[in-house]
Amino acid sequence: MESHLGLLLIVRGLPGCGKSTLVRNILASPFGQRFISLDPDAVNVAELDASPLLNFEGESVPKATLVYRFLLQEARDALSRGVGVLWDQPHGEVCGGYGLPEVSWRYP
């Protein structure tokens, strides 16, 4: 039996640089039919069931961390089914961060 894993593409950059436009264009292409889109700004925290996202009962975490954990679970599920993931991620330093590691933009 052959196993297929999905492709994860993280589109990250400063606000207004065209990340969401790029993601929308990829999704509209024939290639994009193999992907789902994940965007932290599109998650409605008020409707999010936090219980499966907590490491232990009563854990207190910031809303941004819950959003990140939700998106991470969605990405894992999709990738395990062989579905690609386009993760539209604002640059953390500018947008407050969602738990992704910071990327150094300088070359050594």
N, C-alpha and C. Protein backbone atom coordinates (compact mmCIF):
# COMPACT_ATOMS: atom_id res chain seq x y z
N MET A 1 0.84 -1.18 0.00
CA MET A 1 0.00 0.00 0.00
C MET A 1 0.89 1.25 0.00
N GLU A 2 0.58 2.18 -0.86
CA GLU A 2 1.37 3.39 -0.99
C GLU A 2 0.83 4.46 -0.06
N SER A 3 1.72 5.19 0.60
CA SER A 3 1.32 6.26 1.52
C SER A 3 1.61 7.61 0.88
N HIS A 4 0.65 8.51 0.95
CA HIS A 4 0.84 9.85 0.41
C HIS A 4 0.67 10.86 1.54
N LEU A 5 1.63 11.74 1.64
CA LEU A 5 1.54 12.82 2.62
C LEU A 5 1.28 14.11 1.87
N GLY A 6 0.55 15.02 2.51
CA GLY A 6 0.28 16.31 1.90
C GLY A 6 1.49 17.22 1.99
N LEU A 7 1.41 18.32 1.29
CA LEU A 7 2.47 19.32 1.25
C LEU A 7 2.04 20.51 2.10
N LEU A 8 2.94 20.98 2.95
CA LEU A 8 2.68 22.15 3.79
C LEU A 8 3.43 23.34 3.21
N LEU A 9 2.70 24.39 2.85
CA LEU A 9 3.31 25.64 2.39
C LEU A 9 2.92 26.73 3.37
N ILE A 10 3.92 27.32 4.02
CA ILE A 10 3.67 28.42 4.93
C ILE A 10 3.98 29.71 4.19
N VAL A 11 2.95 30.54 4.04
CA VAL A 11 3.09 31.82 3.37
C VAL A 11 3.12 32.87 4.47
N ARG A 12 4.29 33.46 4.67
CA ARG A 12 4.49 34.34 5.82
C ARG A 12 5.11 35.64 5.36
N GLY A 13 4.63 36.74 5.92
CA GLY A 13 5.20 38.03 5.56
C GLY A 13 4.51 39.15 6.30
N LEU A 14 4.93 40.36 5.99
CA LEU A 14 4.39 41.55 6.62
C LEU A 14 2.95 41.79 6.18
N PRO A 15 2.17 42.47 7.01
CA PRO A 15 0.80 42.78 6.62
C PRO A 15 0.76 43.58 5.32
N GLY A 16 -0.16 43.20 4.45
CA GLY A 16 -0.34 43.93 3.20
C GLY A 16 0.62 43.57 2.08
N CYS A 17 1.46 42.55 2.29
CA CYS A 17 2.45 42.21 1.26
C CYS A 17 1.90 41.26 0.19
N GLY A 18 0.66 40.78 0.36
CA GLY A 18 0.06 39.94 -0.67
C GLY A 18 -0.05 38.47 -0.33
N LYS A 19 0.14 38.11 0.94
CA LYS A 19 0.05 36.70 1.34
C LYS A 19 -1.31 36.10 1.01
N SER A 20 -2.37 36.77 1.44
CA SER A 20 -3.71 36.24 1.22
C SER A 20 -4.08 36.20 -0.25
N THR A 21 -3.63 37.18 -0.99
CA THR A 21 -3.88 37.18 -2.45
C THR A 21 -3.17 36.00 -3.10
N LEU A 22 -1.95 35.74 -2.71
CA LEU A 22 -1.20 34.60 -3.25
C LEU A 22 -1.93 33.30 -2.93
N VAL A 23 -2.37 33.14 -1.68
CA VAL A 23 -3.07 31.93 -1.27
C VAL A 23 -4.36 31.77 -2.08
N ARG A 24 -5.14 32.85 -2.22
CA ARG A 24 -6.39 32.78 -3.00
C ARG A 24 -6.11 32.38 -4.44
N ASN A 25 -5.05 32.93 -5.03
CA ASN A 25 -4.71 32.59 -6.42
C ASN A 25 -4.29 31.13 -6.56
N ILE A 26 -3.54 30.64 -5.59
CA ILE A 26 -3.14 29.22 -5.64
C ILE A 26 -4.38 28.33 -5.51
N LEU A 27 -5.27 28.67 -4.57
CA LEU A 27 -6.48 27.86 -4.37
C LEU A 27 -7.38 27.87 -5.60
N ALA A 28 -7.37 28.96 -6.34
CA ALA A 28 -8.22 29.08 -7.54
C ALA A 28 -7.64 28.33 -8.74
N SER A 29 -6.39 27.93 -8.66
CA SER A 29 -5.74 27.23 -9.77
C SER A 29 -6.05 25.73 -9.69
N PRO A 30 -5.85 25.00 -10.79
CA PRO A 30 -6.06 23.54 -10.74
C PRO A 30 -5.18 22.87 -9.67
N PHE A 31 -3.97 23.37 -9.47
CA PHE A 31 -3.06 22.85 -8.46
C PHE A 31 -3.64 23.05 -7.06
N GLY A 32 -4.36 24.15 -6.84
CA GLY A 32 -4.89 24.50 -5.54
C GLY A 32 -6.02 23.62 -5.06
N GLN A 33 -6.60 22.82 -5.95
CA GLN A 33 -7.69 21.94 -5.54
C GLN A 33 -7.22 20.86 -4.58
N ARG A 34 -5.92 20.67 -4.48
CA ARG A 34 -5.35 19.66 -3.57
C ARG A 34 -5.01 20.23 -2.20
N PHE A 35 -5.43 21.49 -1.93
CA PHE A 35 -5.05 22.17 -0.71
C PHE A 35 -6.25 22.66 0.08
N ILE A 36 -6.03 22.83 1.40
CA ILE A 36 -6.93 23.62 2.23
C ILE A 36 -6.15 24.85 2.66
N SER A 37 -6.86 25.87 3.05
CA SER A 37 -6.22 27.10 3.50
C SER A 37 -6.44 27.27 4.99
N LEU A 38 -5.38 27.61 5.70
CA LEU A 38 -5.46 27.90 7.13
C LEU A 38 -4.96 29.32 7.37
N ASP A 39 -5.75 30.10 8.08
CA ASP A 39 -5.41 31.50 8.34
C ASP A 39 -5.80 31.82 9.78
N PRO A 40 -4.84 32.16 10.63
CA PRO A 40 -5.16 32.45 12.02
C PRO A 40 -6.18 33.58 12.17
N ASP A 41 -6.17 34.54 11.26
CA ASP A 41 -7.10 35.66 11.35
C ASP A 41 -8.53 35.26 11.01
N ALA A 42 -8.72 34.10 10.39
CA ALA A 42 -10.06 33.65 10.01
C ALA A 42 -10.71 32.76 11.07
N VAL A 43 -9.99 32.45 12.14
CA VAL A 43 -10.52 31.58 13.20
C VAL A 43 -11.33 32.42 14.18
N ASN A 44 -12.58 32.03 14.40
CA ASN A 44 -13.45 32.70 15.36
C ASN A 44 -13.20 32.07 16.73
N VAL A 45 -12.43 32.74 17.56
CA VAL A 45 -12.04 32.20 18.87
C VAL A 45 -13.26 31.96 19.75
N ALA A 46 -14.29 32.79 19.61
CA ALA A 46 -15.48 32.63 20.45
C ALA A 46 -16.20 31.31 20.19
N GLU A 47 -16.10 30.78 18.97
CA GLU A 47 -16.76 29.53 18.61
C GLU A 47 -15.84 28.32 18.71
N LEU A 48 -14.62 28.53 19.13
CA LEU A 48 -13.63 27.46 19.20
C LEU A 48 -13.83 26.62 20.46
N ASP A 49 -13.93 25.29 20.30
CA ASP A 49 -14.01 24.39 21.45
C ASP A 49 -12.59 24.16 21.95
N ALA A 50 -12.26 24.78 23.07
CA ALA A 50 -10.89 24.76 23.57
C ALA A 50 -10.52 23.46 24.26
N SER A 51 -11.49 22.68 24.74
CA SER A 51 -11.16 21.51 25.57
C SER A 51 -10.19 20.53 24.89
N PRO A 52 -10.36 20.19 23.59
CA PRO A 52 -9.38 19.25 23.01
C PRO A 52 -8.03 19.90 22.72
N LEU A 53 -7.94 21.22 22.87
CA LEU A 53 -6.70 21.92 22.57
C LEU A 53 -5.83 22.14 23.80
N LEU A 54 -6.35 21.79 24.95
CA LEU A 54 -5.61 21.98 26.19
C LEU A 54 -4.79 20.74 26.51
N ASN A 55 -3.61 20.95 27.06
CA ASN A 55 -2.74 19.83 27.43
C ASN A 55 -3.23 19.13 28.70
N PHE A 56 -3.93 19.87 29.55
CA PHE A 56 -4.50 19.29 30.75
C PHE A 56 -5.70 20.14 31.16
N GLU A 57 -6.62 19.54 31.89
CA GLU A 57 -7.83 20.25 32.31
C GLU A 57 -7.46 21.44 33.16
N GLY A 58 -8.04 22.58 32.83
CA GLY A 58 -7.78 23.80 33.59
C GLY A 58 -6.58 24.59 33.11
N GLU A 59 -5.92 24.11 32.06
CA GLU A 59 -4.77 24.84 31.54
C GLU A 59 -5.22 26.22 31.05
N SER A 60 -4.48 27.23 31.41
CA SER A 60 -4.79 28.59 30.99
C SER A 60 -3.78 29.02 29.93
N VAL A 61 -4.29 29.28 28.73
CA VAL A 61 -3.40 29.69 27.64
C VAL A 61 -4.00 30.90 26.93
N PRO A 62 -3.16 31.74 26.34
CA PRO A 62 -3.66 32.88 25.58
C PRO A 62 -4.48 32.42 24.37
N LYS A 63 -5.41 33.27 23.94
CA LYS A 63 -6.25 32.94 22.79
C LYS A 63 -5.41 32.65 21.55
N ALA A 64 -4.34 33.40 21.35
CA ALA A 64 -3.50 33.17 20.17
C ALA A 64 -2.92 31.76 20.18
N THR A 65 -2.60 31.24 21.37
CA THR A 65 -2.07 29.89 21.47
C THR A 65 -3.14 28.86 21.11
N LEU A 66 -4.38 29.10 21.55
CA LEU A 66 -5.47 28.19 21.19
C LEU A 66 -5.69 28.17 19.67
N VAL A 67 -5.63 29.34 19.06
CA VAL A 67 -5.78 29.43 17.60
C VAL A 67 -4.68 28.62 16.92
N TYR A 68 -3.43 28.81 17.37
CA TYR A 68 -2.31 28.08 16.80
C TYR A 68 -2.49 26.57 16.97
N ARG A 69 -2.89 26.13 18.15
CA ARG A 69 -3.09 24.70 18.39
C ARG A 69 -4.20 24.14 17.50
N PHE A 70 -5.29 24.89 17.33
CA PHE A 70 -6.39 24.47 16.46
C PHE A 70 -5.89 24.32 15.02
N LEU A 71 -5.18 25.33 14.52
CA LEU A 71 -4.68 25.27 13.15
C LEU A 71 -3.65 24.15 12.97
N LEU A 72 -2.83 23.94 13.97
CA LEU A 72 -1.85 22.87 13.90
C LEU A 72 -2.54 21.51 13.80
N GLN A 73 -3.60 21.31 14.58
CA GLN A 73 -4.35 20.05 14.50
C GLN A 73 -5.01 19.89 13.14
N GLU A 74 -5.59 20.97 12.61
CA GLU A 74 -6.20 20.93 11.28
C GLU A 74 -5.15 20.57 10.22
N ALA A 75 -3.97 21.16 10.34
CA ALA A 75 -2.90 20.88 9.38
C ALA A 75 -2.46 19.43 9.48
N ARG A 76 -2.26 18.93 10.69
CA ARG A 76 -1.85 17.53 10.87
C ARG A 76 -2.88 16.57 10.26
N ASP A 77 -4.16 16.84 10.52
CA ASP A 77 -5.22 15.98 9.99
C ASP A 77 -5.20 15.98 8.46
N ALA A 78 -5.12 17.16 7.87
CA ALA A 78 -5.12 17.26 6.41
C ALA A 78 -3.89 16.57 5.81
N LEU A 79 -2.73 16.85 6.36
CA LEU A 79 -1.49 16.27 5.83
C LEU A 79 -1.49 14.75 5.93
N SER A 80 -2.05 14.23 7.02
CA SER A 80 -2.09 12.77 7.17
C SER A 80 -3.02 12.11 6.15
N ARG A 81 -3.99 12.88 5.63
CA ARG A 81 -4.90 12.37 4.60
C ARG A 81 -4.35 12.63 3.19
N GLY A 82 -3.17 13.23 3.10
CA GLY A 82 -2.59 13.51 1.80
C GLY A 82 -3.07 14.81 1.19
N VAL A 83 -3.73 15.64 1.98
CA VAL A 83 -4.22 16.94 1.52
C VAL A 83 -3.17 17.99 1.85
N GLY A 84 -2.89 18.87 0.89
CA GLY A 84 -1.94 19.94 1.11
C GLY A 84 -2.53 21.04 1.97
N VAL A 85 -1.65 21.80 2.61
CA VAL A 85 -2.06 22.89 3.49
C VAL A 85 -1.33 24.16 3.08
N LEU A 86 -2.10 25.22 2.84
CA LEU A 86 -1.56 26.57 2.64
C LEU A 86 -1.82 27.34 3.93
N TRP A 87 -0.75 27.63 4.67
CA TRP A 87 -0.89 28.32 5.96
C TRP A 87 -0.52 29.77 5.74
N ASP A 88 -1.51 30.64 5.81
CA ASP A 88 -1.34 32.09 5.62
C ASP A 88 -1.00 32.68 6.98
N GLN A 89 0.26 33.03 7.20
CA GLN A 89 0.74 33.40 8.54
C GLN A 89 1.37 34.79 8.53
N PRO A 90 0.79 35.74 9.29
CA PRO A 90 1.44 37.04 9.40
C PRO A 90 2.78 36.90 10.11
N HIS A 91 3.68 37.83 9.84
CA HIS A 91 4.98 37.83 10.50
C HIS A 91 4.78 38.10 11.98
N GLY A 92 5.29 37.24 12.84
CA GLY A 92 5.03 37.28 14.27
C GLY A 92 5.44 38.54 14.98
N GLU A 93 6.59 39.12 14.67
CA GLU A 93 7.04 40.32 15.37
C GLU A 93 6.06 41.47 15.16
N VAL A 94 5.51 41.55 13.98
CA VAL A 94 4.62 42.66 13.65
C VAL A 94 3.21 42.39 14.15
N CYS A 95 2.76 41.14 14.07
CA CYS A 95 1.35 40.82 14.34
C CYS A 95 1.11 40.14 15.67
N GLY A 96 2.07 40.13 16.57
CA GLY A 96 1.82 39.58 17.89
C GLY A 96 2.15 38.10 18.02
N GLY A 97 2.36 37.41 16.94
CA GLY A 97 2.77 36.01 16.98
C GLY A 97 1.64 35.04 17.24
N TYR A 98 1.76 33.87 16.69
CA TYR A 98 0.79 32.80 16.88
C TYR A 98 1.48 31.51 17.29
N GLY A 99 2.71 31.61 17.78
CA GLY A 99 3.38 30.42 18.26
C GLY A 99 4.38 29.82 17.28
N LEU A 100 4.47 30.38 16.07
CA LEU A 100 5.49 29.89 15.15
C LEU A 100 6.82 30.53 15.50
N PRO A 101 7.91 29.82 15.30
CA PRO A 101 9.21 30.41 15.62
C PRO A 101 9.51 31.60 14.72
N GLU A 102 10.22 32.55 15.26
CA GLU A 102 10.60 33.70 14.46
C GLU A 102 11.65 33.29 13.44
N VAL A 103 11.63 33.93 12.31
CA VAL A 103 12.57 33.64 11.24
C VAL A 103 13.53 34.80 11.13
N SER A 104 14.79 34.51 11.10
CA SER A 104 15.79 35.57 10.90
C SER A 104 15.83 35.94 9.43
N TRP A 105 15.66 37.21 9.15
CA TRP A 105 15.66 37.67 7.76
C TRP A 105 17.03 38.13 7.32
N ARG A 106 18.03 38.00 8.18
CA ARG A 106 19.40 38.39 7.83
C ARG A 106 20.20 37.17 7.43
N TYR A 107 21.09 37.39 6.52
CA TYR A 107 22.00 36.32 6.15
C TYR A 107 23.24 36.44 7.03
N PRO A 108 23.80 35.29 7.43
CA PRO A 108 25.00 35.34 8.30
C PRO A 108 26.16 36.02 7.65
